């Protein structure tokens, strides 16, 4: 199992903003794959998860 980054937010919009911030890791050569799209887990809690992968770990396209 790889390392995952999680986002916990009060609203769906804040959760999406957190995903957008993690997407900025691409500027550092780290690709992120969303492994859990934003989902409501309580009346005022949203969560999402991404898994980072270094560009050097990319598999060649077939």
N, C-alpha and C. Protein backbone atom coordinates (compact mmCIF):
# COMPACT_ATOMS: atom_id res chain seq x y z
N UNK A 1 0.85 -1.18 0.00
CA UNK A 1 0.00 0.00 0.00
C UNK A 1 0.89 1.24 0.00
N UNK A 2 0.54 2.17 -0.87
CA UNK A 2 1.31 3.39 -0.98
C UNK A 2 0.90 4.45 0.00
N UNK A 3 1.65 5.54 0.00
CA UNK A 3 1.32 6.70 0.82
C UNK A 3 0.11 7.38 0.21
N UNK A 4 -0.79 7.85 1.05
CA UNK A 4 -1.97 8.59 0.58
C UNK A 4 -2.09 9.88 1.37
N UNK A 5 -2.57 10.90 0.68
CA UNK A 5 -2.87 12.17 1.33
C UNK A 5 -4.38 12.29 1.43
N UNK A 6 -4.86 12.69 2.58
CA UNK A 6 -6.30 12.84 2.77
C UNK A 6 -6.68 14.29 3.00
N UNK A 7 -7.90 14.59 2.62
CA UNK A 7 -8.47 15.92 2.81
C UNK A 7 -9.74 15.74 3.62
N UNK A 8 -9.88 16.53 4.65
CA UNK A 8 -11.12 16.57 5.42
C UNK A 8 -11.56 18.03 5.43
N UNK A 9 -12.79 18.26 5.01
CA UNK A 9 -13.28 19.63 4.88
C UNK A 9 -14.72 19.72 5.38
N UNK A 10 -15.16 20.96 5.58
CA UNK A 10 -16.53 21.20 6.05
C UNK A 10 -17.55 21.20 4.92
N UNK A 11 -17.10 21.47 3.68
CA UNK A 11 -18.03 21.52 2.55
C UNK A 11 -17.42 20.80 1.35
N UNK A 12 -18.25 20.47 0.39
CA UNK A 12 -17.77 19.83 -0.84
C UNK A 12 -16.82 20.76 -1.59
N UNK A 13 -17.11 22.05 -1.57
CA UNK A 13 -16.28 23.04 -2.26
C UNK A 13 -14.88 23.09 -1.64
N UNK A 14 -14.81 23.09 -0.32
CA UNK A 14 -13.51 23.11 0.35
C UNK A 14 -12.73 21.82 0.07
N UNK A 15 -13.43 20.72 -0.02
CA UNK A 15 -12.79 19.45 -0.34
C UNK A 15 -12.19 19.51 -1.75
N UNK A 16 -12.93 20.05 -2.69
CA UNK A 16 -12.44 20.21 -4.06
C UNK A 16 -11.24 21.15 -4.10
N UNK A 17 -11.26 22.20 -3.29
CA UNK A 17 -10.11 23.13 -3.22
C UNK A 17 -8.88 22.40 -2.70
N UNK A 18 -9.07 21.54 -1.73
CA UNK A 18 -7.95 20.75 -1.20
C UNK A 18 -7.36 19.84 -2.27
N UNK A 19 -8.22 19.21 -3.07
CA UNK A 19 -7.73 18.38 -4.17
C UNK A 19 -6.94 19.22 -5.17
N UNK A 20 -7.43 20.42 -5.45
CA UNK A 20 -6.73 21.30 -6.39
C UNK A 20 -5.35 21.68 -5.85
N UNK A 21 -5.25 21.91 -4.56
CA UNK A 21 -3.94 22.23 -3.97
C UNK A 21 -2.98 21.05 -4.10
N UNK A 22 -3.47 19.85 -3.85
CA UNK A 22 -2.60 18.68 -3.98
C UNK A 22 -2.19 18.46 -5.43
N UNK A 23 -3.03 18.86 -6.37
CA UNK A 23 -2.67 18.74 -7.78
C UNK A 23 -1.46 19.61 -8.13
N UNK A 24 -1.19 20.64 -7.33
CA UNK A 24 -0.02 21.50 -7.56
C UNK A 24 1.29 20.74 -7.36
N UNK A 25 1.23 19.57 -6.75
CA UNK A 25 2.43 18.74 -6.59
C UNK A 25 3.03 18.37 -7.95
N UNK A 26 2.22 18.43 -9.00
CA UNK A 26 2.72 18.13 -10.35
C UNK A 26 3.86 19.06 -10.73
N UNK A 27 3.82 20.28 -10.21
CA UNK A 27 4.89 21.25 -10.50
C UNK A 27 6.22 20.79 -9.92
N UNK A 28 6.16 19.89 -8.95
CA UNK A 28 7.38 19.35 -8.33
C UNK A 28 7.72 17.97 -8.87
N UNK A 29 7.03 17.55 -9.92
CA UNK A 29 7.31 16.25 -10.52
C UNK A 29 6.60 15.09 -9.85
N UNK A 30 5.56 15.40 -9.07
CA UNK A 30 4.81 14.34 -8.39
C UNK A 30 3.39 14.31 -8.95
N UNK A 31 3.06 13.22 -9.61
CA UNK A 31 1.70 13.04 -10.11
C UNK A 31 0.82 12.57 -8.95
N UNK A 32 -0.42 12.97 -8.95
CA UNK A 32 -1.36 12.49 -7.93
C UNK A 32 -2.55 11.84 -8.62
N UNK A 33 -2.97 10.74 -8.06
CA UNK A 33 -4.13 10.01 -8.56
C UNK A 33 -5.21 10.06 -7.49
N UNK A 34 -6.39 10.51 -7.85
CA UNK A 34 -7.49 10.54 -6.89
C UNK A 34 -7.94 9.10 -6.66
N UNK A 35 -7.85 8.63 -5.42
CA UNK A 35 -8.29 7.27 -5.10
C UNK A 35 -9.62 7.26 -4.37
N UNK A 36 -10.04 8.42 -3.90
CA UNK A 36 -11.38 8.56 -3.32
C UNK A 36 -11.87 9.96 -3.65
N UNK A 37 -12.90 10.03 -4.46
CA UNK A 37 -13.49 11.33 -4.82
C UNK A 37 -14.17 11.92 -3.58
N UNK A 38 -14.40 13.23 -3.57
CA UNK A 38 -15.06 13.84 -2.42
C UNK A 38 -16.36 13.11 -2.07
N UNK A 39 -16.48 12.78 -0.79
CA UNK A 39 -17.67 12.08 -0.30
C UNK A 39 -18.05 12.65 1.05
N UNK A 40 -19.34 12.78 1.27
CA UNK A 40 -19.83 13.30 2.55
C UNK A 40 -19.81 12.17 3.57
N UNK A 41 -19.17 12.42 4.72
CA UNK A 41 -19.06 11.39 5.75
C UNK A 41 -19.80 11.79 7.03
N UNK A 42 -20.42 12.92 7.03
CA UNK A 42 -21.19 13.42 8.18
C UNK A 42 -21.97 14.64 7.73
N UNK A 43 -22.72 15.19 8.63
CA UNK A 43 -23.54 16.34 8.25
C UNK A 43 -22.71 17.54 7.80
N UNK A 44 -21.51 17.68 8.35
CA UNK A 44 -20.66 18.80 7.96
C UNK A 44 -19.21 18.36 7.75
N UNK A 45 -19.02 17.15 7.22
CA UNK A 45 -17.67 16.65 6.95
C UNK A 45 -17.61 15.98 5.59
N UNK A 46 -16.58 16.35 4.83
CA UNK A 46 -16.33 15.77 3.53
C UNK A 46 -14.90 15.26 3.52
N UNK A 47 -14.64 14.20 2.77
CA UNK A 47 -13.30 13.65 2.70
C UNK A 47 -12.97 13.26 1.26
N UNK A 48 -11.68 13.25 0.96
CA UNK A 48 -11.17 12.79 -0.34
C UNK A 48 -9.74 12.31 -0.09
N UNK A 49 -9.25 11.46 -0.99
CA UNK A 49 -7.88 10.95 -0.85
C UNK A 49 -7.20 10.91 -2.20
N UNK A 50 -5.89 11.16 -2.19
CA UNK A 50 -5.07 11.03 -3.39
C UNK A 50 -3.83 10.21 -3.04
N UNK A 51 -3.27 9.57 -4.07
CA UNK A 51 -2.03 8.83 -3.90
C UNK A 51 -0.98 9.47 -4.79
N UNK A 52 0.16 9.88 -4.23
CA UNK A 52 1.21 10.50 -5.04
C UNK A 52 2.04 9.44 -5.75
N UNK A 53 2.62 9.84 -6.89
CA UNK A 53 3.54 8.98 -7.62
C UNK A 53 4.56 9.87 -8.30
N UNK A 54 5.83 9.61 -8.10
CA UNK A 54 6.88 10.39 -8.74
C UNK A 54 6.85 10.13 -10.24
N UNK A 55 7.21 11.13 -11.04
CA UNK A 55 7.24 10.96 -12.49
C UNK A 55 8.10 9.77 -12.89
N UNK A 56 9.17 9.51 -12.16
CA UNK A 56 10.06 8.40 -12.50
C UNK A 56 9.40 7.05 -12.30
N UNK A 57 8.26 7.02 -11.59
CA UNK A 57 7.55 5.76 -11.36
C UNK A 57 6.47 5.52 -12.40
N UNK A 58 6.34 6.42 -13.36
CA UNK A 58 5.33 6.26 -14.40
C UNK A 58 5.64 5.03 -15.24
N UNK A 59 4.61 4.35 -15.62
CA UNK A 59 4.76 3.20 -16.51
C UNK A 59 4.59 3.69 -17.95
N UNK A 60 5.34 3.08 -18.86
CA UNK A 60 5.20 3.50 -20.26
C UNK A 60 3.81 3.16 -20.79
N UNK A 61 3.29 4.04 -21.67
CA UNK A 61 1.97 3.80 -22.25
C UNK A 61 2.07 2.68 -23.27
N UNK A 62 1.03 1.89 -23.38
CA UNK A 62 1.03 0.79 -24.36
C UNK A 62 0.23 1.16 -25.55
